[in-house]
């Protein structure tokens, strides 16, 4: 569903839709799980994620990270929050981007999301 939201916004502006990458999603999920386990929202380890993605043939163009209260936010609200932030929006709407990995980690109260955008 997150992919649908992202690609609807991209195609509405005449950008090519992003292709879902299971490999990038595993990398993104690991980061979301680390953030959720430590309860710290961060881009720590971004260089390592970029390096791993490069070894697997991807060129990372951006990373979006966020945390939301599970009680109040669903997929559409999370996507809208990313799109309302100029930096996050720029990552998702990058015309050079072709692939995306999405990692979601949840506990009883929060949803931790990492989007790894790449060529």
PDB file of N, CA and C in Angstrom:
ATOM      1  N   UNK A   1       0.815  -1.202   0.000  1.00  0.00           N
ATOM      2  CA  UNK A   1       0.000   0.000   0.000  1.00  0.00           C
ATOM      3  C   UNK A   1       0.859   1.266   0.000  1.00  0.00           C
ATOM      4  N   UNK A   2       1.983   1.238   0.720  1.00  0.00           N
ATOM      5  CA  UNK A   2       2.879   2.400   0.724  1.00  0.00           C
ATOM      6  C   UNK A   2       3.387   2.659  -0.695  1.00  0.00           C
ATOM      7  N   UNK A   3       3.702   1.573  -1.419  1.00  0.00           N
ATOM      8  CA  UNK A   3       4.157   1.714  -2.807  1.00  0.00           C
ATOM      9  C   UNK A   3       3.089   2.391  -3.658  1.00  0.00           C
ATOM     10  N   UNK A   4       1.841   2.035  -3.447  1.00  0.00           N
ATOM     11  CA  UNK A   4       0.748   2.656  -4.208  1.00  0.00           C
ATOM     12  C   UNK A   4       0.719   4.164  -3.972  1.00  0.00           C
ATOM     13  N   UNK A   5       0.835   4.565  -2.716  1.00  0.00           N
ATOM     14  CA  UNK A   5       0.815   5.999  -2.384  1.00  0.00           C
ATOM     15  C   UNK A   5       1.984   6.725  -3.053  1.00  0.00           C
ATOM     16  N   UNK A   6       3.171   6.148  -2.940  1.00  0.00           N
ATOM     17  CA  UNK A   6       4.369   6.768  -3.521  1.00  0.00           C
ATOM     18  C   UNK A   6       4.216   6.894  -5.036  1.00  0.00           C
ATOM     19  N   UNK A   7       3.829   5.807  -5.674  1.00  0.00           N
ATOM     20  CA  UNK A   7       3.763   5.819  -7.141  1.00  0.00           C
ATOM     21  C   UNK A   7       2.599   6.643  -7.676  1.00  0.00           C
ATOM     22  N   UNK A   8       1.520   6.786  -6.922  1.00  0.00           N
ATOM     23  CA  UNK A   8       0.448   7.693  -7.337  1.00  0.00           C
ATOM     24  C   UNK A   8       0.962   9.124  -7.381  1.00  0.00           C
ATOM     25  N   UNK A   9       1.732   9.513  -6.367  1.00  0.00           N
ATOM     26  CA  UNK A   9       2.280  10.871  -6.353  1.00  0.00           C
ATOM     27  C   UNK A   9       3.320  11.061  -7.455  1.00  0.00           C
ATOM     28  N   UNK A  10       4.136  10.054  -7.691  1.00  0.00           N
ATOM     29  CA  UNK A  10       5.153  10.169  -8.749  1.00  0.00           C
ATOM     30  C   UNK A  10       4.504  10.271 -10.125  1.00  0.00           C
ATOM     31  N   UNK A  11       3.560   9.404 -10.419  1.00  0.00           N
ATOM     32  CA  UNK A  11       2.948   9.425 -11.751  1.00  0.00           C
ATOM     33  C   UNK A  11       2.081  10.658 -11.956  1.00  0.00           C
ATOM     34  N   UNK A  12       1.542  11.218 -10.873  1.00  0.00           N
ATOM     35  CA  UNK A  12       0.750  12.451 -10.983  1.00  0.00           C
ATOM     36  C   UNK A  12       1.620  13.621 -11.438  1.00  0.00           C
ATOM     37  N   UNK A  13       2.919  13.518 -11.207  1.00  0.00           N
ATOM     38  CA  UNK A  13       3.842  14.570 -11.636  1.00  0.00           C
ATOM     39  C   UNK A  13       4.686  14.117 -12.831  1.00  0.00           C
ATOM     40  N   UNK A  14       4.243  13.091 -13.532  1.00  0.00           N
ATOM     41  CA  UNK A  14       4.855  12.563 -14.741  1.00  0.00           C
ATOM     42  C   UNK A  14       6.224  11.912 -14.483  1.00  0.00           C
ATOM     43  N   UNK A  15       6.439  11.437 -13.280  1.00  0.00           N
ATOM     44  CA  UNK A  15       7.654  10.681 -12.981  1.00  0.00           C
ATOM     45  C   UNK A  15       7.357   9.192 -13.125  1.00  0.00           C
ATOM     46  N   UNK A  16       8.381   8.448 -13.464  1.00  0.00           N
ATOM     47  CA  UNK A  16       8.236   6.997 -13.547  1.00  0.00           C
ATOM     48  C   UNK A  16       7.968   6.434 -12.142  1.00  0.00           C
ATOM     49  N   UNK A  17       7.133   5.415 -12.035  1.00  0.00           N
ATOM     50  CA  UNK A  17       6.924   4.792 -10.725  1.00  0.00           C
ATOM     51  C   UNK A  17       8.206   4.109 -10.254  1.00  0.00           C
ATOM     52  N   UNK A  18       8.357   4.011  -8.941  1.00  0.00           N
ATOM     53  CA  UNK A  18       9.491   3.302  -8.377  1.00  0.00           C
ATOM     54  C   UNK A  18       9.181   1.811  -8.342  1.00  0.00           C
ATOM     55  N   UNK A  19      10.223   1.018  -8.527  1.00  0.00           N
ATOM     56  CA  UNK A  19      10.085  -0.426  -8.460  1.00  0.00           C
ATOM     57  C   UNK A  19      10.484  -0.888  -7.059  1.00  0.00           C
ATOM     58  N   UNK A  20       9.679  -1.744  -6.472  1.00  0.00           N
ATOM     59  CA  UNK A  20       9.949  -2.288  -5.140  1.00  0.00           C
ATOM     60  C   UNK A  20      11.157  -3.213  -5.208  1.00  0.00           C
ATOM     61  N   UNK A  21      12.076  -3.045  -4.266  1.00  0.00           N
ATOM     62  CA  UNK A  21      13.256  -3.891  -4.190  1.00  0.00           C
ATOM     63  C   UNK A  21      13.248  -4.669  -2.875  1.00  0.00           C
ATOM     64  N   UNK A  22      13.104  -5.990  -2.953  1.00  0.00           N
ATOM     65  CA  UNK A  22      13.164  -6.795  -1.732  1.00  0.00           C
ATOM     66  C   UNK A  22      14.504  -6.659  -1.001  1.00  0.00           C
ATOM     67  N   UNK A  23      15.588  -6.557  -1.767  1.00  0.00           N
ATOM     68  CA  UNK A  23      16.911  -6.441  -1.142  1.00  0.00           C
ATOM     69  C   UNK A  23      17.034  -5.135  -0.371  1.00  0.00           C
ATOM     70  N   UNK A  24      16.647  -4.023  -0.999  1.00  0.00           N
ATOM     71  CA  UNK A  24      16.689  -2.735  -0.300  1.00  0.00           C
ATOM     72  C   UNK A  24      15.728  -2.736   0.885  1.00  0.00           C
ATOM     73  N   UNK A  25      14.632  -3.467   0.775  1.00  0.00           N
ATOM     74  CA  UNK A  25      13.664  -3.536   1.870  1.00  0.00           C
ATOM     75  C   UNK A  25      14.245  -4.243   3.093  1.00  0.00           C
ATOM     76  N   UNK A  26      15.043  -5.269   2.869  1.00  0.00           N
ATOM     77  CA  UNK A  26      15.703  -5.947   3.991  1.00  0.00           C
ATOM     78  C   UNK A  26      16.648  -4.976   4.694  1.00  0.00           C
ATOM     79  N   UNK A  27      17.415  -4.230   3.913  1.00  0.00           N
ATOM     80  CA  UNK A  27      18.342  -3.243   4.491  1.00  0.00           C
ATOM     81  C   UNK A  27      17.548  -2.189   5.270  1.00  0.00           C
ATOM     82  N   UNK A  28      16.452  -1.705   4.688  1.00  0.00           N
ATOM     83  CA  UNK A  28      15.613  -0.692   5.341  1.00  0.00           C
ATOM     84  C   UNK A  28      14.972  -1.252   6.609  1.00  0.00           C
ATOM     85  N   UNK A  29      14.505  -2.490   6.540  1.00  0.00           N
ATOM     86  CA  UNK A  29      13.874  -3.104   7.720  1.00  0.00           C
ATOM     87  C   UNK A  29      14.866  -3.207   8.877  1.00  0.00           C
ATOM     88  N   UNK A  30      16.072  -3.614   8.589  1.00  0.00           N
ATOM     89  CA  UNK A  30      17.085  -3.715   9.651  1.00  0.00           C
ATOM     90  C   UNK A  30      17.268  -2.382  10.349  1.00  0.00           C
ATOM     91  N   UNK A  31      17.276  -1.308   9.562  1.00  0.00           N
ATOM     92  CA  UNK A  31      17.439   0.013  10.173  1.00  0.00           C
ATOM     93  C   UNK A  31      16.208   0.383  11.013  1.00  0.00           C
ATOM     94  N   UNK A  32      15.021   0.110  10.492  1.00  0.00           N
ATOM     95  CA  UNK A  32      13.798   0.400  11.257  1.00  0.00           C
ATOM     96  C   UNK A  32      13.793  -0.385  12.567  1.00  0.00           C
ATOM     97  N   UNK A  33      14.199  -1.656  12.507  1.00  0.00           N
ATOM     98  CA  UNK A  33      14.243  -2.481  13.718  1.00  0.00           C
ATOM     99  C   UNK A  33      15.265  -1.951  14.725  1.00  0.00           C
ATOM    100  N   UNK A  34      16.410  -1.502  14.233  1.00  0.00           N
ATOM    101  CA  UNK A  34      17.424  -0.913  15.123  1.00  0.00           C
ATOM    102  C   UNK A  34      16.889   0.347  15.786  1.00  0.00           C
ATOM    103  N   UNK A  35      16.235   1.212  14.994  1.00  0.00           N
ATOM    104  CA  UNK A  35      15.683   2.437  15.573  1.00  0.00           C
ATOM    105  C   UNK A  35      14.613   2.098  16.604  1.00  0.00           C
ATOM    106  N   UNK A  36      13.713   1.190  16.268  1.00  0.00           N
ATOM    107  CA  UNK A  36      12.643   0.829  17.185  1.00  0.00           C
ATOM    108  C   UNK A  36      13.156   0.195  18.459  1.00  0.00           C
ATOM    109  N   UNK A  37      14.121  -0.693  18.337  1.00  0.00           N
ATOM    110  CA  UNK A  37      14.690  -1.357  19.514  1.00  0.00           C
ATOM    111  C   UNK A  37      15.400  -0.383  20.441  1.00  0.00           C
ATOM    112  N   UNK A  38      16.082   0.593  19.851  1.00  0.00           N
ATOM    113  CA  UNK A  38      16.812   1.579  20.658  1.00  0.00           C
ATOM    114  C   UNK A  38      15.963   2.794  21.015  1.00  0.00           C
ATOM    115  N   UNK A  39      14.782   2.900  20.363  1.00  0.00           N
ATOM    116  CA  UNK A  39      13.897   4.046  20.555  1.00  0.00           C
ATOM    117  C   UNK A  39      14.574   5.361  20.185  1.00  0.00           C
ATOM    118  N   UNK A  40      15.418   5.313  19.135  1.00  0.00           N
ATOM    119  CA  UNK A  40      16.138   6.499  18.667  1.00  0.00           C
ATOM    120  C   UNK A  40      15.939   6.640  17.158  1.00  0.00           C
ATOM    121  N   UNK A  41      15.310   7.729  16.757  1.00  0.00           N
ATOM    122  CA  UNK A  41      15.145   8.035  15.340  1.00  0.00           C
ATOM    123  C   UNK A  41      16.445   8.641  14.825  1.00  0.00           C
ATOM    124  N   UNK A  42      17.029   8.015  13.800  1.00  0.00           N
ATOM    125  CA  UNK A  42      18.315   8.521  13.321  1.00  0.00           C
ATOM    126  C   UNK A  42      18.622   7.989  11.926  1.00  0.00           C
ATOM    127  N   UNK A  43      19.660   8.585  11.350  1.00  0.00           N
ATOM    128  CA  UNK A  43      20.228   8.079  10.111  1.00  0.00           C
ATOM    129  C   UNK A  43      21.569   7.409  10.395  1.00  0.00           C
ATOM    130  N   UNK A  44      21.831   7.080  11.671  1.00  0.00           N
ATOM    131  CA  UNK A  44      23.083   6.406  12.019  1.00  0.00           C
ATOM    132  C   UNK A  44      23.241   5.151  11.168  1.00  0.00           C
ATOM    133  N   UNK A  45      24.440   4.946  10.660  1.00  0.00           N
ATOM    134  CA  UNK A  45      24.712   3.784   9.827  1.00  0.00           C
ATOM    135  C   UNK A  45      24.348   3.965   8.371  1.00  0.00           C
ATOM    136  N   UNK A  46      23.955   5.182   7.994  1.00  0.00           N
ATOM    137  CA  UNK A  46      23.561   5.431   6.602  1.00  0.00           C
ATOM    138  C   UNK A  46      24.688   5.072   5.645  1.00  0.00           C
ATOM    139  N   UNK A  47      25.909   5.451   5.963  1.00  0.00           N
ATOM    140  CA  UNK A  47      27.050   5.160   5.097  1.00  0.00           C
ATOM    141  C   UNK A  47      27.196   3.655   4.884  1.00  0.00           C
ATOM    142  N   UNK A  48      26.991   2.893   5.949  1.00  0.00           N
ATOM    143  CA  UNK A  48      27.086   1.435   5.832  1.00  0.00           C
ATOM    144  C   UNK A  48      25.961   0.870   4.955  1.00  0.00           C
ATOM    145  N   UNK A  49      24.752   1.431   5.096  1.00  0.00           N
ATOM    146  CA  UNK A  49      23.640   0.977   4.250  1.00  0.00           C
ATOM    147  C   UNK A  49      23.901   1.303   2.787  1.00  0.00           C
ATOM    148  N   UNK A  50      24.438   2.486   2.525  1.00  0.00           N
ATOM    149  CA  UNK A  50      24.773   2.885   1.157  1.00  0.00           C
ATOM    150  C   UNK A  50      25.834   1.943   0.599  1.00  0.00           C
ATOM    151  N   UNK A  51      26.854   1.647   1.384  1.00  0.00           N
ATOM    152  CA  UNK A  51      27.934   0.766   0.947  1.00  0.00           C
ATOM    153  C   UNK A  51      27.413  -0.635   0.629  1.00  0.00           C
ATOM    154  N   UNK A  52      26.564  -1.170   1.491  1.00  0.00           N
ATOM    155  CA  UNK A  52      25.982  -2.491   1.255  1.00  0.00           C
ATOM    156  C   UNK A  52      25.131  -2.482  -0.018  1.00  0.00           C
ATOM    157  N   UNK A  53      24.315  -1.456  -0.184  1.00  0.00           N
ATOM    158  CA  UNK A  53      23.483  -1.339  -1.384  1.00  0.00           C
ATOM    159  C   UNK A  53      24.355  -1.265  -2.639  1.00  0.00           C
ATOM    160  N   UNK A  54      25.462  -0.537  -2.562  1.00  0.00           N
ATOM    161  CA  UNK A  54      26.362  -0.434  -3.712  1.00  0.00           C
ATOM    162  C   UNK A  54      26.961  -1.788  -4.061  1.00  0.00           C
ATOM    163  N   UNK A  55      27.327  -2.553  -3.051  1.00  0.00           N
ATOM    164  CA  UNK A  55      27.874  -3.892  -3.300  1.00  0.00           C
ATOM    165  C   UNK A  55      26.845  -4.783  -3.994  1.00  0.00           C
ATOM    166  N   UNK A  56      25.566  -4.488  -3.788  1.00  0.00           N
ATOM    167  CA  UNK A  56      24.489  -5.273  -4.386  1.00  0.00           C
ATOM    168  C   UNK A  56      24.000  -4.673  -5.710  1.00  0.00           C
ATOM    169  N   UNK A  57      24.690  -3.610  -6.183  1.00  0.00           N
ATOM    170  CA  UNK A  57      24.385  -3.040  -7.493  1.00  0.00           C
ATOM    171  C   UNK A  57      23.479  -1.823  -7.491  1.00  0.00           C
ATOM    172  N   UNK A  58      23.201  -1.247  -6.347  1.00  0.00           N
ATOM    173  CA  UNK A  58      22.318  -0.082  -6.260  1.00  0.00           C
ATOM    174  C   UNK A  58      23.123   1.180  -5.957  1.00  0.00           C
ATOM    175  N   UNK A  59      22.628   2.312  -6.426  1.00  0.00           N
ATOM    176  CA  UNK A  59      23.162   3.615  -6.048  1.00  0.00           C
ATOM    177  C   UNK A  59      22.072   4.323  -5.254  1.00  0.00           C
ATOM    178  N   UNK A  60      22.296   4.476  -3.965  1.00  0.00           N
ATOM    179  CA  UNK A  60      21.291   5.089  -3.088  1.00  0.00           C
ATOM    180  C   UNK A  60      21.237   6.588  -3.351  1.00  0.00           C
ATOM    181  N   UNK A  61      20.013   7.104  -3.528  1.00  0.00           N
ATOM    182  CA  UNK A  61      19.830   8.539  -3.764  1.00  0.00           C
ATOM    183  C   UNK A  61      19.209   9.242  -2.559  1.00  0.00           C
ATOM    184  N   UNK A  62      18.686   8.478  -1.590  1.00  0.00           N
ATOM    185  CA  UNK A  62      18.104   9.100  -0.410  1.00  0.00           C
ATOM    186  C   UNK A  62      17.551   8.079   0.567  1.00  0.00           C
ATOM    187  N   UNK A  63      17.324   8.561   1.779  1.00  0.00           N
ATOM    188  CA  UNK A  63      16.754   7.726   2.829  1.00  0.00           C
ATOM    189  C   UNK A  63      15.777   8.558   3.644  1.00  0.00           C
ATOM    190  N   UNK A  64      14.585   8.010   3.843  1.00  0.00           N
ATOM    191  CA  UNK A  64      13.587   8.633   4.707  1.00  0.00           C
ATOM    192  C   UNK A  64      13.388   7.753   5.928  1.00  0.00           C
ATOM    193  N   UNK A  65      13.390   8.362   7.104  1.00  0.00           N
ATOM    194  CA  UNK A  65      13.162   7.634   8.345  1.00  0.00           C
ATOM    195  C   UNK A  65      12.117   8.391   9.157  1.00  0.00           C
ATOM    196  N   UNK A  66      11.276   7.634   9.845  1.00  0.00           N
ATOM    197  CA  UNK A  66      10.278   8.283  10.685  1.00  0.00           C
ATOM    198  C   UNK A  66       9.688   7.323  11.689  1.00  0.00           C
ATOM    199  N   UNK A  67       9.040   7.904  12.696  1.00  0.00           N
ATOM    200  CA  UNK A  67       8.342   7.122  13.712  1.00  0.00           C
ATOM    201  C   UNK A  67       7.007   7.793  13.990  1.00  0.00           C
ATOM    202  N   UNK A  68       5.973   6.973  14.138  1.00  0.00           N
ATOM    203  CA  UNK A  68       4.631   7.484  14.370  1.00  0.00           C
ATOM    204  C   UNK A  68       3.924   6.647  15.423  1.00  0.00           C
ATOM    205  N   UNK A  69       2.967   7.286  16.093  1.00  0.00           N
ATOM    206  CA  UNK A  69       2.137   6.579  17.062  1.00  0.00           C
ATOM    207  C   UNK A  69       1.226   5.620  16.312  1.00  0.00           C
ATOM    208  N   UNK A  70       1.316   4.362  16.646  1.00  0.00           N
ATOM    209  CA  UNK A  70       0.553   3.329  15.949  1.00  0.00           C
ATOM    210  C   UNK A  70      -0.956   3.561  16.057  1.00  0.00           C
ATOM    211  N   UNK A  71      -1.356   4.131  17.148  1.00  0.00           N
ATOM    212  CA  UNK A  71      -2.770   4.360  17.406  1.00  0.00           C
ATOM    213  C   UNK A  71      -3.382   5.384  16.448  1.00  0.00           C
ATOM    214  N   UNK A  72      -2.563   6.337  15.970  1.00  0.00           N
ATOM    215  CA  UNK A  72      -3.092   7.461  15.203  1.00  0.00           C
ATOM    216  C   UNK A  72      -2.708   7.467  13.734  1.00  0.00           C
ATOM    217  N   UNK A  73      -1.734   6.675  13.339  1.00  0.00           N
ATOM    218  CA  UNK A  73      -1.217   6.762  11.978  1.00  0.00           C
ATOM    219  C   UNK A  73      -1.313   5.434  11.248  1.00  0.00           C
ATOM    220  N   UNK A  74      -1.720   5.515   9.992  1.00  0.00           N
ATOM    221  CA  UNK A  74      -1.715   4.374   9.084  1.00  0.00           C
ATOM    222  C   UNK A  74      -0.830   4.691   7.902  1.00  0.00           C
ATOM    223  N   UNK A  75      -0.841   3.831   6.924  1.00  0.00           N
ATOM    224  CA  UNK A  75       0.034   3.981   5.761  1.00  0.00           C
ATOM    225  C   UNK A  75      -0.154   5.328   5.064  1.00  0.00           C
ATOM    226  N   UNK A  76      -1.386   5.708   4.799  1.00  0.00           N
ATOM    227  CA  UNK A  76      -1.631   6.961   4.081  1.00  0.00           C
ATOM    228  C   UNK A  76      -1.146   8.173   4.869  1.00  0.00           C
ATOM    229  N   UNK A  77      -1.366   8.165   6.187  1.00  0.00           N
ATOM    230  CA  UNK A  77      -0.924   9.293   7.011  1.00  0.00           C
ATOM    231  C   UNK A  77       0.603   9.362   7.082  1.00  0.00           C
ATOM    232  N   UNK A  78       1.240   8.196   7.152  1.00  0.00           N
ATOM    233  CA  UNK A  78       2.706   8.172   7.181  1.00  0.00           C
ATOM    234  C   UNK A  78       3.255   8.698   5.857  1.00  0.00           C
ATOM    235  N   UNK A  79       2.694   8.233   4.760  1.00  0.00           N
ATOM    236  CA  UNK A  79       3.149   8.721   3.450  1.00  0.00           C
ATOM    237  C   UNK A  79       2.931  10.230   3.349  1.00  0.00           C
ATOM    238  N   UNK A  80       1.779  10.709   3.795  1.00  0.00           N
ATOM    239  CA  UNK A  80       1.501  12.148   3.730  1.00  0.00           C
ATOM    240  C   UNK A  80       2.484  12.941   4.587  1.00  0.00           C
ATOM    241  N   UNK A  81       2.874  12.388   5.725  1.00  0.00           N
ATOM    242  CA  UNK A  81       3.866  13.065   6.575  1.00  0.00           C
ATOM    243  C   UNK A  81       5.201  13.182   5.835  1.00  0.00           C
ATOM    244  N   UNK A  82       5.634  12.113   5.178  1.00  0.00           N
ATOM    245  CA  UNK A  82       6.864  12.192   4.391  1.00  0.00           C
ATOM    246  C   UNK A  82       6.716  13.220   3.267  1.00  0.00           C
ATOM    247  N   UNK A  83       5.583  13.221   2.586  1.00  0.00           N
ATOM    248  CA  UNK A  83       5.388  14.146   1.466  1.00  0.00           C
ATOM    249  C   UNK A  83       5.257  15.599   1.927  1.00  0.00           C
ATOM    250  N   UNK A  84       4.902  15.819   3.177  1.00  0.00           N
ATOM    251  CA  UNK A  84       4.777  17.179   3.715  1.00  0.00           C
ATOM    252  C   UNK A  84       6.120  17.761   4.133  1.00  0.00           C
ATOM    253  N   UNK A  85       7.138  16.936   4.189  1.00  0.00           N
ATOM    254  CA  UNK A  85       8.484  17.375   4.549  1.00  0.00           C
ATOM    255  C   UNK A  85       9.290  17.579   3.264  1.00  0.00           C
ATOM    256  N   UNK A  86       9.794  18.791   3.031  1.00  0.00           N
ATOM    257  CA  UNK A  86      10.502  19.048   1.763  1.00  0.00           C
ATOM    258  C   UNK A  86      11.644  18.067   1.469  1.00  0.00           C
ATOM    259  N   UNK A  87      12.453  17.728   2.451  1.00  0.00           N
ATOM    260  CA  UNK A  87      13.569  16.813   2.227  1.00  0.00           C
ATOM    261  C   UNK A  87      13.119  15.404   1.903  1.00  0.00           C
ATOM    262  N   UNK A  88      12.132  14.912   2.662  1.00  0.00           N
ATOM    263  CA  UNK A  88      11.619  13.563   2.415  1.00  0.00           C
ATOM    264  C   UNK A  88      10.922  13.492   1.057  1.00  0.00           C
ATOM    265  N   UNK A  89      10.167  14.538   0.759  1.00  0.00           N
ATOM    266  CA  UNK A  89       9.466  14.601  -0.534  1.00  0.00           C
ATOM    267  C   UNK A  89      10.477  14.587  -1.683  1.00  0.00           C
ATOM    268  N   UNK A  90      11.536  15.361  -1.542  1.00  0.00           N
ATOM    269  CA  UNK A  90      12.560  15.414  -2.596  1.00  0.00           C
ATOM    270  C   UNK A  90      13.167  14.031  -2.837  1.00  0.00           C
ATOM    271  N   UNK A  91      13.379  13.264  -1.776  1.00  0.00           N
ATOM    272  CA  UNK A  91      13.909  11.909  -1.942  1.00  0.00           C
ATOM    273  C   UNK A  91      12.943  11.046  -2.751  1.00  0.00           C
ATOM    274  N   UNK A  92      11.659  11.096  -2.401  1.00  0.00           N
ATOM    275  CA  UNK A  92      10.663  10.267  -3.083  1.00  0.00           C
ATOM    276  C   UNK A  92      10.389  10.720  -4.505  1.00  0.00           C
ATOM    277  N   UNK A  93      10.536  12.011  -4.762  1.00  0.00           N
ATOM    278  CA  UNK A  93      10.215  12.556  -6.081  1.00  0.00           C
ATOM    279  C   UNK A  93      11.458  12.772  -6.942  1.00  0.00           C
ATOM    280  N   UNK A  94      12.574  12.245  -6.544  1.00  0.00           N
ATOM    281  CA  UNK A  94      13.810  12.361  -7.311  1.00  0.00           C
ATOM    282  C   UNK A  94      13.605  11.708  -8.679  1.00  0.00           C
ATOM    283  N   UNK A  95      13.735  12.475  -9.760  1.00  0.00           N
ATOM    284  CA  UNK A  95      13.494  11.904 -11.092  1.00  0.00           C
ATOM    285  C   UNK A  95      14.492  10.819 -11.473  1.00  0.00           C
ATOM    286  N   UNK A  96      15.657  10.785 -10.840  1.00  0.00           N
ATOM    287  CA  UNK A  96      16.657   9.760 -11.139  1.00  0.00           C
ATOM    288  C   UNK A  96      16.439   8.459 -10.390  1.00  0.00           C
ATOM    289  N   UNK A  97      15.571   8.470  -9.399  1.00  0.00           N
ATOM    290  CA  UNK A  97      15.325   7.263  -8.600  1.00  0.00           C
ATOM    291  C   UNK A  97      14.533   6.249  -9.411  1.00  0.00           C
ATOM    292  N   UNK A  98      14.841   4.986  -9.210  1.00  0.00           N
ATOM    293  CA  UNK A  98      14.159   3.905  -9.934  1.00  0.00           C
ATOM    294  C   UNK A  98      13.656   2.794  -9.008  1.00  0.00           C
ATOM    295  N   UNK A  99      14.278   2.652  -7.834  1.00  0.00           N
ATOM    296  CA  UNK A  99      13.970   1.546  -6.921  1.00  0.00           C
ATOM    297  C   UNK A  99      13.708   2.087  -5.517  1.00  0.00           C
ATOM    298  N   UNK A 100      12.992   1.278  -4.728  1.00  0.00           N
ATOM    299  CA  UNK A 100      12.771   1.655  -3.334  1.00  0.00           C
ATOM    300  C   UNK A 100      12.663   0.396  -2.488  1.00  0.00           C
ATOM    301  N   UNK A 101      13.225   0.500  -1.308  1.00  0.00           N
ATOM    302  CA  UNK A 101      13.045  -0.524  -0.290  1.00  0.00           C
ATOM    303  C   UNK A 101      12.343   0.115   0.888  1.00  0.00           C
ATOM    304  N   UNK A 102      11.360  -0.565   1.426  1.00  0.00           N
ATOM    305  CA  UNK A 102      10.598  -0.026   2.554  1.00  0.00           C
ATOM    306  C   UNK A 102      10.675  -1.021   3.698  1.00  0.00           C
ATOM    307  N   UNK A 103      11.136  -0.551   4.838  1.00  0.00           N
ATOM    308  CA  UNK A 103      11.222  -1.392   6.027  1.00  0.00           C
ATOM    309  C   UNK A 103      10.371  -0.828   7.140  1.00  0.00           C
ATOM    310  N   UNK A 104       9.453  -1.633   7.654  1.00  0.00           N
ATOM    311  CA  UNK A 104       8.543  -1.205   8.716  1.00  0.00           C
ATOM    312  C   UNK A 104       8.728  -2.122   9.914  1.00  0.00           C
ATOM    313  N   UNK A 105       8.934  -1.532  11.069  1.00  0.00           N
ATOM    314  CA  UNK A 105       9.061  -2.274  12.327  1.00  0.00           C
ATOM    315  C   UNK A 105       8.060  -1.670  13.303  1.00  0.00           C
ATOM    316  N   UNK A 106       7.279  -2.519  13.946  1.00  0.00           N
ATOM    317  CA  UNK A 106       6.247  -2.025  14.868  1.00  0.00           C
ATOM    318  C   UNK A 106       6.382  -2.687  16.231  1.00  0.00           C
ATOM    319  N   UNK A 107       6.071  -1.908  17.234  1.00  0.00           N
ATOM    320  CA  UNK A 107       5.857  -2.485  18.557  1.00  0.00           C
ATOM    321  C   UNK A 107       4.411  -2.143  18.932  1.00  0.00           C
ATOM    322  N   UNK A 108       4.051  -2.260  20.174  1.00  0.00           N
ATOM    323  CA  UNK A 108       2.654  -2.034  20.559  1.00  0.00           C
ATOM    324  C   UNK A 108       2.218  -0.585  20.398  1.00  0.00           C
ATOM    325  N   UNK A 109       3.179   0.335  20.422  1.00  0.00           N
ATOM    326  CA  UNK A 109       2.814   1.749  20.413  1.00  0.00           C
ATOM    327  C   UNK A 109       3.255   2.517  19.186  1.00  0.00           C
ATOM    328  N   UNK A 110       4.303   2.061  18.507  1.00  0.00           N
ATOM    329  CA  UNK A 110       4.886   2.884  17.446  1.00  0.00           C
ATOM    330  C   UNK A 110       5.131   2.101  16.157  1.00  0.00           C
ATOM    331  N   UNK A 111       5.201   2.869  15.085  1.00  0.00           N
ATOM    332  CA  UNK A 111       5.549   2.350  13.762  1.00  0.00           C
ATOM    333  C   UNK A 111       6.827   3.077  13.332  1.00  0.00           C
ATOM    334  N   UNK A 112       7.868   2.318  13.078  1.00  0.00           N
ATOM    335  CA  UNK A 112       9.148   2.861  12.631  1.00  0.00           C
ATOM    336  C   UNK A 112       9.313   2.511  11.151  1.00  0.00           C
ATOM    337  N   UNK A 113       9.581   3.520  10.320  1.00  0.00           N
ATOM    338  CA  UNK A 113       9.655   3.305   8.879  1.00  0.00           C
ATOM    339  C   UNK A 113      10.966   3.851   8.333  1.00  0.00           C
ATOM    340  N   UNK A 114      11.571   3.056   7.451  1.00  0.00           N
ATOM    341  CA  UNK A 114      12.721   3.502   6.670  1.00  0.00           C
ATOM    342  C   UNK A 114      12.414   3.251   5.208  1.00  0.00           C
ATOM    343  N   UNK A 115      12.607   4.267   4.395  1.00  0.00           N
ATOM    344  CA  UNK A 115      12.490   4.139   2.935  1.00  0.00           C
ATOM    345  C   UNK A 115      13.874   4.389   2.354  1.00  0.00           C
ATOM    346  N   UNK A 116      14.397   3.434   1.621  1.00  0.00           N
ATOM    347  CA  UNK A 116      15.699   3.552   0.995  1.00  0.00           C
ATOM    348  C   UNK A 116      15.480   3.673  -0.509  1.00  0.00           C
ATOM    349  N   UNK A 117      15.799   4.832  -1.061  1.00  0.00           N
ATOM    350  CA  UNK A 117      15.518   5.158  -2.449  1.00  0.00           C
ATOM    351  C   UNK A 117      16.825   5.054  -3.242  1.00  0.00           C
ATOM    352  N   UNK A 118      16.752   4.436  -4.434  1.00  0.00           N
ATOM    353  CA  UNK A 118      17.989   4.176  -5.186  1.00  0.00           C
ATOM    354  C   UNK A 118      17.750   4.204  -6.694  1.00  0.00           C
ATOM    355  N   UNK A 119      18.896   4.189  -7.417  1.00  0.00           N
ATOM    356  CA  UNK A 119      18.882   4.046  -8.879  1.00  0.00           C
ATOM    357  C   UNK A 119      19.089   2.584  -9.186  1.00  0.00           C
TER     358      UNK A 119
END
